[in-house]
């Protein structure tokens, strides 16, 4: 390898405090020698440390003949070892005895002799016949090769009287889940949109709201309460009027029943007070229709049927025209910009549950939907600090109402627990007679 040129040795290093002194007074001769050695290995075929063991070493399985001959000169092998080392291509003769059976020249393969307590099938059959009395009682021997038809360890079912065997035909059907259980819940809103789990609160419901927001909320809720109270008073007045009318009718004497009683009494006495004018006797009895009258009635019915069919056809055409107009209007509404539609959807989704119109017929359960709680604070109840604010409302009730409106729960009435009636009795001890023995 060529000599490696290196920096001159610096034997005297007075100071190495600066970076210039570090770069100047350093010996990198070992690093340069290592790099040159790696370059030489790359030229010769690759770095030795990165090669696999199979590329560096060779396993000699044949051996060197020269070394073998030189070894045999000094160490001569035994004759017995030479004989045993020889291998013939012809297999050795089989010296075991065979049965003297003439065959067609093809020797069958000998079966491998099984060790242990193995018994042949024929020998097993012979021993079984001896144990169970031979062929006389062969029919009583249980066949263990087939699947048994009776399991003595199986759990016993309930015993059924044969006279009630017809009951097995009418077994109760298994309970299955309804198909609607896999359907998505239907919202009770009239527009079909679901209510969010957490409603966006109104600005007037804050603990320290703006005056305009608070006053608008107070006015709106007050108008609702006033209309509800007026409706309640109107319903109460109607109910009171109906009850008063019913009481007045009940207080009036029953003239018809009195007239009937007097009529029956007069008939019982033999005086029949019939109607003075016998109009029903002077009425003309219905006669049988002539063929012309029947044909006329048939023609009239046919004409009525034709006119009814014509009206239905015109009504259907009118409905089709109306449907085309609705489709045209819907397409015009859909032609609005997407941003406006998204804004309207966001505003409607953030609305209050009490302000959204509910569907009248789509109701889950017979009970009424619980009313939303009134979340309005009066002027004297406003607090300007969170520390003075008192927690109000019920989170569980609000969550329950939200689930009912989304169609996930059925509206239920509150359970009314009645106290059991208790009767007080007084015991009279002197009434307990005891007969002396």
Protein backbone atom coordinates (compact mmCIF):
# COMPACT_ATOMS: atom_id res chain seq x y z
CA UNK A 1 0.00 0.00 0.00
CA UNK A 2 1.30 3.45 -0.89
CA UNK A 3 2.50 5.72 1.82
CA UNK A 4 -0.18 7.94 3.31
CA UNK A 5 0.69 11.61 3.37
CA UNK A 6 -0.27 13.13 6.67
CA UNK A 7 0.06 16.47 8.35
CA UNK A 8 3.34 17.26 10.00
CA UNK A 9 3.51 16.20 13.63
CA UNK A 10 3.12 18.97 16.13
CA UNK A 11 5.18 17.88 19.12
CA UNK A 12 4.83 21.17 20.96
CA UNK A 13 1.29 22.34 21.62
CA UNK A 14 1.55 25.41 23.82
CA UNK A 15 -2.17 26.15 23.81
CA UNK A 16 -5.40 24.52 22.51
CA UNK A 17 -7.91 27.00 23.82
CA UNK A 18 -9.02 28.41 20.45
CA UNK A 19 -10.82 26.66 17.56
CA UNK A 20 -7.98 27.45 15.19
CA UNK A 21 -5.58 25.62 17.51
CA UNK A 22 -7.97 22.60 17.57
CA UNK A 23 -7.95 22.35 13.78
CA UNK A 24 -4.22 23.00 13.47
CA UNK A 25 -2.82 20.80 16.25
CA UNK A 26 -4.68 17.51 15.63
CA UNK A 27 -3.33 14.21 14.27
CA UNK A 28 -5.68 12.41 11.80
CA UNK A 29 -3.20 9.91 10.44
CA UNK A 30 -5.14 6.88 11.83
CA UNK A 31 -8.35 8.07 10.19
CA UNK A 32 -6.65 8.50 6.84
CA UNK A 33 -5.11 5.00 7.07
CA UNK A 34 -8.54 3.50 7.74
CA UNK A 35 -10.11 5.31 4.80
CA UNK A 36 -7.34 4.16 2.46
CA UNK A 37 -7.79 0.57 3.62
CA UNK A 38 -11.57 0.74 2.93
CA UNK A 39 -10.88 2.15 -0.56
CA UNK A 40 -8.49 -0.75 -1.32
CA UNK A 41 -11.12 -3.31 -0.18
CA UNK A 42 -13.75 -1.68 -2.41
CA UNK A 43 -11.37 -1.96 -5.37
CA UNK A 44 -10.76 -5.66 -4.60
CA UNK A 45 -14.50 -6.56 -4.45
CA UNK A 46 -16.11 -5.03 -1.40
CA UNK A 47 -15.67 -4.24 2.27
CA UNK A 48 -14.84 -7.40 4.20
CA UNK A 49 -16.81 -6.42 7.30
CA UNK A 50 -20.00 -6.00 5.25
CA UNK A 51 -19.81 -9.37 3.41
CA UNK A 52 -21.69 -12.48 4.51
CA UNK A 53 -19.93 -15.54 5.91
CA UNK A 54 -20.82 -17.61 2.80
CA UNK A 55 -18.85 -15.16 0.62
CA UNK A 56 -15.76 -15.28 2.82
CA UNK A 57 -15.50 -19.02 3.70
CA UNK A 58 -15.87 -22.30 1.73
CA UNK A 59 -16.82 -25.66 3.34
CA UNK A 60 -14.57 -28.41 1.90
CA UNK A 61 -16.56 -31.68 1.82
CA UNK A 62 -14.29 -33.72 -0.51
CA UNK A 63 -10.85 -33.23 1.00
CA UNK A 64 -7.43 -33.01 -0.55
CA UNK A 65 -6.06 -36.23 -2.17
CA UNK A 66 -2.46 -35.22 -1.57
CA UNK A 67 -3.03 -34.84 2.15
CA UNK A 68 -4.91 -38.16 2.25
CA UNK A 69 -2.08 -40.06 0.52
CA UNK A 70 0.54 -38.57 2.79
CA UNK A 71 -1.60 -39.56 5.80
CA UNK A 72 -2.02 -43.17 4.62
CA UNK A 73 1.74 -43.52 4.18
CA UNK A 74 2.33 -43.03 7.86
CA UNK A 75 -1.01 -44.43 9.20
CA UNK A 76 -2.06 -47.56 7.26
CA UNK A 77 -5.79 -48.54 7.84
CA UNK A 78 -6.86 -52.01 8.99
CA UNK A 79 -8.14 -54.59 6.54
CA UNK A 80 -11.44 -54.93 8.41
CA UNK A 81 -12.06 -51.21 8.06
CA UNK A 82 -11.42 -51.47 4.33
CA UNK A 83 -13.95 -54.33 4.01
CA UNK A 84 -16.60 -52.49 6.00
CA UNK A 85 -16.06 -49.30 4.06
CA UNK A 86 -16.95 -51.00 0.78
CA UNK A 87 -20.62 -50.59 -0.30
CA UNK A 88 -22.20 -52.84 -2.94
CA UNK A 89 -25.06 -51.72 -5.21
CA UNK A 90 -26.72 -55.18 -4.93
CA UNK A 91 -28.84 -55.63 -1.75
CA UNK A 92 -27.98 -58.51 0.57
CA UNK A 93 -29.96 -61.75 0.59
CA UNK A 94 -32.90 -62.16 2.97
CA UNK A 95 -32.11 -65.21 5.15
CA UNK A 96 -35.46 -65.32 6.98
CA UNK A 97 -37.76 -68.28 6.40
CA UNK A 98 -40.72 -67.89 4.08
CA UNK A 99 -43.90 -69.90 3.59
CA UNK A 100 -43.66 -72.35 0.71
CA UNK A 101 -46.48 -70.81 -1.35
CA UNK A 102 -46.26 -70.86 -5.13
CA UNK A 103 -47.08 -67.48 -6.60
CA UNK A 104 -47.06 -65.92 -10.02
CA UNK A 105 -43.59 -64.54 -9.45
CA UNK A 106 -44.66 -61.33 -7.74
CA UNK A 107 -43.75 -61.16 -4.08
CA UNK A 108 -46.25 -59.20 -2.05
CA UNK A 109 -45.01 -56.62 0.39
CA UNK A 110 -44.83 -57.83 3.93
CA UNK A 111 -47.04 -56.00 6.39
CA UNK A 112 -45.39 -54.28 9.27
CA UNK A 113 -45.78 -56.27 12.44
CA UNK A 114 -47.66 -54.28 15.04
CA UNK A 115 -46.20 -54.26 18.49
CA UNK A 116 -48.00 -54.20 21.78
CA UNK A 117 -51.32 -55.75 22.76
CA UNK A 118 -52.82 -55.54 19.26
CA UNK A 119 -55.54 -58.10 18.41
CA UNK A 120 -56.60 -58.84 14.87
CA UNK A 121 -60.26 -58.33 13.90
CA UNK A 122 -60.81 -62.05 13.23
CA UNK A 123 -59.30 -62.97 16.58
CA UNK A 124 -61.47 -60.35 18.28
CA UNK A 125 -64.62 -61.78 16.66
CA UNK A 126 -63.68 -65.32 17.75
CA UNK A 127 -63.08 -64.25 21.33
CA UNK A 128 -66.37 -62.32 21.39
CA UNK A 129 -68.29 -65.41 20.21
CA UNK A 130 -66.73 -67.49 22.95
CA UNK A 131 -67.50 -64.89 25.62
CA UNK A 132 -71.18 -64.36 24.65
CA UNK A 133 -72.09 -67.97 23.93
CA UNK A 134 -71.38 -68.23 20.23
CA UNK A 135 -73.87 -67.79 17.43
CA UNK A 136 -76.86 -68.74 19.59
CA UNK A 137 -77.13 -65.40 21.29
CA UNK A 138 -75.39 -63.33 18.63
CA UNK A 139 -78.53 -61.21 18.30
CA UNK A 140 -78.17 -60.01 21.92
CA UNK A 141 -74.67 -58.62 21.36
CA UNK A 142 -74.57 -54.82 21.24
CA UNK A 143 -73.02 -53.40 18.10
CA UNK A 144 -70.46 -50.82 19.24
CA UNK A 145 -69.45 -49.71 15.75
CA UNK A 146 -72.69 -47.77 15.07
CA UNK A 147 -74.05 -44.65 16.77
CA UNK A 148 -76.26 -45.60 19.74
CA UNK A 149 -79.94 -44.67 19.47
CA UNK A 150 -80.43 -44.17 23.22
CA UNK A 151 -78.31 -42.11 25.59
CA UNK A 152 -78.79 -43.16 29.23
CA UNK A 153 -77.06 -40.01 30.53
CA UNK A 154 -79.16 -37.53 28.54
CA UNK A 155 -81.40 -35.18 30.60
CA UNK A 156 -84.91 -36.51 30.87
CA UNK A 157 -87.69 -34.33 29.49
CA UNK A 158 -91.07 -33.82 31.15
CA UNK A 159 -93.35 -36.82 30.79
CA UNK A 160 -96.46 -36.05 28.74
CA UNK A 161 -99.67 -38.00 28.91
CA UNK A 162 -100.49 -39.42 25.43
CA UNK A 163 -104.02 -38.04 25.62
CA UNK A 164 -102.53 -34.50 25.59
CA UNK A 165 -100.34 -35.10 22.52
CA UNK A 166 -102.37 -32.57 20.50
CA UNK A 167 -100.86 -29.76 22.60
CA UNK A 168 -97.49 -30.20 20.90
CA UNK A 169 -98.94 -28.86 17.64
CA UNK A 170 -99.70 -25.48 19.23
CA UNK A 171 -96.34 -24.56 20.66
CA UNK A 172 -95.77 -20.89 21.48
CA UNK A 173 -93.82 -19.05 18.82
CA UNK A 174 -90.42 -17.67 19.81
CA UNK A 175 -90.28 -13.99 20.64
CA UNK A 176 -88.71 -12.05 17.78
CA UNK A 177 -87.62 -8.48 17.60
CA UNK A 178 -89.84 -6.21 15.48
CA UNK A 179 -88.58 -4.98 12.11
CA UNK A 180 -88.85 -1.36 13.20
CA UNK A 181 -86.19 -1.94 15.86
CA UNK A 182 -83.53 -1.69 13.15
CA UNK A 183 -85.03 1.47 11.62
CA UNK A 184 -83.75 4.93 12.41
CA UNK A 185 -85.91 6.91 14.88
CA UNK A 186 -88.40 9.42 13.43
CA UNK A 187 -88.19 12.95 14.73
CA UNK A 188 -91.42 14.56 15.94
CA UNK A 189 -90.59 17.85 14.24
CA UNK A 190 -92.89 18.87 11.38
CA UNK A 191 -89.91 19.44 9.07
CA UNK A 192 -88.48 15.98 9.89
CA UNK A 193 -85.14 17.26 11.22
CA UNK A 194 -83.74 15.86 14.45
CA UNK A 195 -83.18 18.06 17.48
CA UNK A 196 -79.56 18.48 18.62
CA UNK A 197 -78.69 16.95 21.98
CA UNK A 198 -77.38 20.27 23.30
CA UNK A 199 -79.50 23.26 22.27
CA UNK A 200 -77.93 26.60 21.49
CA UNK A 201 -79.25 28.85 24.30
CA UNK A 202 -80.93 32.17 23.67
CA UNK A 203 -78.90 35.30 24.44
CA UNK A 204 -81.61 36.54 26.82
CA UNK A 205 -81.15 33.51 29.11
CA UNK A 206 -77.69 34.56 30.21
CA UNK A 207 -77.03 35.39 33.87
CA UNK A 208 -76.06 38.90 32.81
CA UNK A 209 -77.89 39.41 29.46
CA UNK A 210 -78.21 42.38 27.20
CA UNK A 211 -81.36 44.38 27.88
CA UNK A 212 -82.80 44.09 24.36
CA UNK A 213 -82.25 40.31 24.23
CA UNK A 214 -83.70 39.81 27.70
CA UNK A 215 -86.72 42.04 27.04
CA UNK A 216 -87.52 40.33 23.69
CA UNK A 217 -87.32 36.90 25.35
CA UNK A 218 -89.51 38.06 28.25
CA UNK A 219 -92.10 39.54 25.89
CA UNK A 220 -92.17 36.43 23.72
CA UNK A 221 -92.56 34.00 26.63
CA UNK A 222 -95.12 36.30 28.26
CA UNK A 223 -97.23 36.30 25.09
CA UNK A 224 -97.15 32.50 25.06
CA UNK A 225 -98.24 32.26 28.69
CA UNK A 226 -101.04 34.79 28.21
CA UNK A 227 -102.41 32.90 25.18
CA UNK A 228 -102.20 29.60 27.08
CA UNK A 229 -104.04 31.11 30.07
CA UNK A 230 -106.75 32.55 27.80
CA UNK A 231 -107.21 29.16 26.19
CA UNK A 232 -107.45 27.49 29.59
CA UNK A 233 -110.07 30.00 30.80
CA UNK A 234 -112.04 29.58 27.56
CA UNK A 235 -112.02 25.79 27.93
CA UNK A 236 -113.08 26.09 31.58
CA UNK A 237 -116.00 28.40 30.62
CA UNK A 238 -117.14 25.97 27.91
CA UNK A 239 -116.96 23.06 30.34
CA UNK A 240 -118.93 25.00 33.00
CA UNK A 241 -121.58 25.93 30.44
CA UNK A 242 -121.90 22.32 29.35
CA UNK A 243 -122.26 21.11 32.94
CA UNK A 244 -124.91 23.79 33.66
CA UNK A 245 -126.86 22.77 30.56
CA UNK A 246 -126.70 19.12 31.56
CA UNK A 247 -127.95 19.92 35.09
CA UNK A 248 -130.82 22.01 33.68
CA UNK A 249 -131.87 19.19 31.36
CA UNK A 250 -131.72 16.72 34.23
CA UNK A 251 -133.91 18.99 36.40
CA UNK A 252 -136.71 19.30 33.78
CA UNK A 253 -139.65 16.84 34.17
CA UNK A 254 -139.87 14.04 31.64
CA UNK A 255 -143.12 14.75 29.76
CA UNK A 256 -142.77 11.90 27.29
CA UNK A 257 -142.51 9.26 30.00
CA UNK A 258 -145.53 10.75 31.80
CA UNK A 259 -147.54 10.68 28.54
CA UNK A 260 -146.57 7.07 27.93
CA UNK A 261 -147.61 6.12 31.47
CA UNK A 262 -151.00 7.77 31.02
CA UNK A 263 -151.45 6.03 27.65
CA UNK A 264 -150.74 2.63 29.16
CA UNK A 265 -153.10 3.34 32.04
CA UNK A 266 -155.93 4.31 29.66
CA UNK A 267 -155.40 1.18 27.59
CA UNK A 268 -155.45 -0.91 30.71
CA UNK A 269 -158.78 0.59 31.63
CA UNK A 270 -160.15 -0.20 28.17
CA UNK A 271 -160.11 3.33 26.81
CA UNK A 272 -157.89 3.48 23.74
CA UNK A 273 -156.88 7.03 22.94
CA UNK A 274 -155.73 6.64 19.30
CA UNK A 275 -154.85 9.48 16.88
CA UNK A 276 -157.73 11.54 15.70
CA UNK A 277 -156.66 11.66 12.04
CA UNK A 278 -156.03 8.35 10.36
CA UNK A 279 -153.55 9.64 7.76
CA UNK A 280 -151.57 6.44 7.65
CA UNK A 281 -154.72 4.61 6.48
CA UNK A 282 -155.26 7.08 3.65
CA UNK A 283 -151.69 6.74 2.32
CA UNK A 284 -151.31 5.05 -1.06
CA UNK A 285 -149.64 1.66 -0.93
CA UNK A 286 -146.52 1.22 -3.10
CA UNK A 287 -147.32 -0.60 -6.32
CA UNK A 288 -145.07 -2.77 -8.49
CA UNK A 289 -142.95 -0.85 -11.06
CA UNK A 290 -143.52 -1.27 -14.76
CA UNK A 291 -140.68 -2.30 -17.15
CA UNK A 292 -140.49 1.28 -18.44
CA UNK A 293 -140.02 2.60 -14.91
CA UNK A 294 -137.31 0.02 -14.25
CA UNK A 295 -135.46 0.91 -17.47
CA UNK A 296 -135.71 4.57 -16.58
CA UNK A 297 -134.20 3.92 -13.14
CA UNK A 298 -131.39 1.89 -14.74
CA UNK A 299 -130.63 4.69 -17.20
CA UNK A 300 -130.60 7.22 -14.37
CA UNK A 301 -128.12 5.10 -12.37
CA UNK A 302 -125.88 4.68 -15.41
CA UNK A 303 -125.93 8.43 -15.99
CA UNK A 304 -125.06 9.08 -12.33
CA UNK A 305 -122.19 6.56 -12.53
CA UNK A 306 -120.87 8.20 -15.72
CA UNK A 307 -121.02 11.67 -14.19
CA UNK A 308 -119.23 10.42 -11.04
CA UNK A 309 -116.49 8.85 -13.18
CA UNK A 310 -116.16 12.09 -15.14
CA UNK A 311 -115.80 14.11 -11.93
CA UNK A 312 -113.10 11.75 -10.65
CA UNK A 313 -111.21 12.02 -13.95
CA UNK A 314 -111.33 15.81 -13.88
CA UNK A 315 -110.22 15.82 -10.25
CA UNK A 316 -107.27 13.58 -11.12
CA UNK A 317 -106.28 15.86 -13.99
CA UNK A 318 -106.48 18.84 -11.65
CA UNK A 319 -104.27 17.05 -9.15
CA UNK A 320 -101.73 16.24 -11.87
CA UNK A 321 -101.59 19.88 -12.88
CA UNK A 322 -101.17 20.87 -9.27
CA UNK A 323 -98.39 18.31 -8.85
CA UNK A 324 -96.56 19.74 -11.86
CA UNK A 325 -96.83 23.20 -10.33
CA UNK A 326 -95.47 21.93 -7.01
CA UNK A 327 -92.55 20.23 -8.75
CA UNK A 328 -91.81 23.46 -10.61
CA UNK A 329 -91.91 25.45 -7.37
CA UNK A 330 -89.65 22.91 -5.64
CA UNK A 331 -87.11 23.15 -8.44
CA UNK A 332 -87.19 26.93 -8.21
CA UNK A 333 -86.58 26.74 -4.47
CA UNK A 334 -83.70 24.32 -5.00
CA UNK A 335 -82.13 26.73 -7.46
CA UNK A 336 -81.14 29.01 -4.60
CA UNK A 337 -77.52 29.35 -3.66
CA UNK A 338 -76.04 26.62 -1.44
CA UNK A 339 -74.71 29.11 1.06
CA UNK A 340 -78.20 30.47 1.80
CA UNK A 341 -79.58 26.94 2.23
CA UNK A 342 -76.77 25.99 4.60
CA UNK A 343 -77.33 29.15 6.60
CA UNK A 344 -81.07 28.43 6.91
CA UNK A 345 -80.39 24.85 7.99
CA UNK A 346 -77.90 25.99 10.62
CA UNK A 347 -80.38 28.55 11.96
CA UNK A 348 -83.22 26.01 12.07
CA UNK A 349 -81.03 23.38 13.75
CA UNK A 350 -79.95 25.83 16.44
CA UNK A 351 -83.56 26.82 17.22
CA UNK A 352 -85.28 26.15 20.49
CA UNK A 353 -87.23 22.94 20.99
CA UNK A 354 -90.26 24.86 22.22
CA UNK A 355 -90.38 27.07 19.09
CA UNK A 356 -90.18 24.28 16.48
CA UNK A 357 -93.56 23.07 15.24
CA UNK A 358 -94.22 19.43 16.09
CA UNK A 359 -95.89 16.82 13.93
CA UNK A 360 -99.48 16.24 15.05
CA UNK A 361 -99.95 12.61 14.01
CA UNK A 362 -96.43 11.22 14.40
CA UNK A 363 -96.50 10.43 18.11
CA UNK A 364 -94.71 7.62 19.91
CA UNK A 365 -96.97 6.53 22.77
CA UNK A 366 -100.35 7.61 24.12
CA UNK A 367 -99.08 10.09 26.72
CA UNK A 368 -98.59 13.76 25.94
CA UNK A 369 -95.16 15.19 25.27
CA UNK A 370 -93.88 16.99 28.35
CA UNK A 371 -93.83 20.76 28.08
CA UNK A 372 -90.51 22.59 27.94
CA UNK A 373 -89.44 24.31 31.13
CA UNK A 374 -89.85 28.10 31.28
CA UNK A 375 -86.31 29.52 31.33
CA UNK A 376 -86.98 33.21 31.94
CA UNK A 377 -85.57 35.32 34.77
CA UNK A 378 -87.52 38.34 35.98
CA UNK A 379 -85.95 41.74 36.54
CA UNK A 380 -85.65 41.36 40.32
CA UNK A 381 -84.05 37.91 39.93
CA UNK A 382 -81.20 38.94 37.63
CA UNK A 383 -77.72 38.51 39.11
CA UNK A 384 -74.61 40.22 37.84
CA UNK A 385 -72.23 37.58 39.21
CA UNK A 386 -71.89 33.86 38.74
CA UNK A 387 -71.28 33.41 42.47
CA UNK A 388 -74.76 34.70 43.29
CA UNK A 389 -76.41 32.55 40.59
CA UNK A 390 -78.55 29.65 41.85
CA UNK A 391 -78.77 26.43 39.83
CA UNK A 392 -82.23 25.87 38.41
CA UNK A 393 -83.93 23.33 36.15
CA UNK A 394 -83.44 19.59 35.80
CA UNK A 395 -80.90 18.20 33.35
CA UNK A 396 -82.45 14.73 33.46
CA UNK A 397 -85.92 16.08 32.53
CA UNK A 398 -84.47 18.14 29.66
CA UNK A 399 -82.56 15.14 28.31
CA UNK A 400 -85.67 12.94 28.56
CA UNK A 401 -87.74 15.48 26.60
CA UNK A 402 -85.02 15.70 23.92
CA UNK A 403 -85.05 11.90 23.49
CA UNK A 404 -88.85 11.92 23.22
CA UNK A 405 -88.79 14.64 20.54
CA UNK A 406 -86.14 12.72 18.56
CA UNK A 407 -88.35 9.60 18.62
CA UNK A 408 -85.90 7.49 20.64
CA UNK A 409 -88.12 7.14 23.75
CA UNK A 410 -91.82 6.73 24.37
CA UNK A 411 -93.63 9.45 26.29
CA UNK A 412 -94.77 8.10 29.66
CA UNK A 413 -96.90 9.42 32.47
CA UNK A 414 -95.42 9.83 35.92
CA UNK A 415 -96.25 6.87 38.14
CA UNK A 416 -98.75 7.78 40.87
CA UNK A 417 -98.10 5.82 44.02
CA UNK A 418 -101.27 5.69 46.10
CA UNK A 419 -101.05 5.05 49.78
CA UNK A 420 -102.77 1.82 50.83
CA UNK A 421 -106.07 2.28 52.64
CA UNK A 422 -105.93 1.19 56.26
CA UNK A 423 -108.98 0.36 58.33
CA UNK A 424 -108.92 0.79 62.09
CA UNK A 425 -110.79 -1.83 64.12
CA UNK A 426 -111.50 -1.98 67.85
CA UNK A 427 -111.22 -5.31 69.56
CA UNK A 428 -113.54 -6.25 72.42
CA UNK A 429 -111.73 -8.58 74.68
CA UNK A 430 -114.79 -9.37 76.82
CA UNK A 431 -116.54 -10.90 73.79
CA UNK A 432 -113.91 -13.68 73.50
CA UNK A 433 -115.67 -16.49 75.35
CA UNK A 434 -113.60 -19.29 76.72
CA UNK A 435 -115.41 -22.50 77.67
CA UNK A 436 -113.87 -24.05 80.79
CA UNK A 437 -112.84 -27.64 80.45
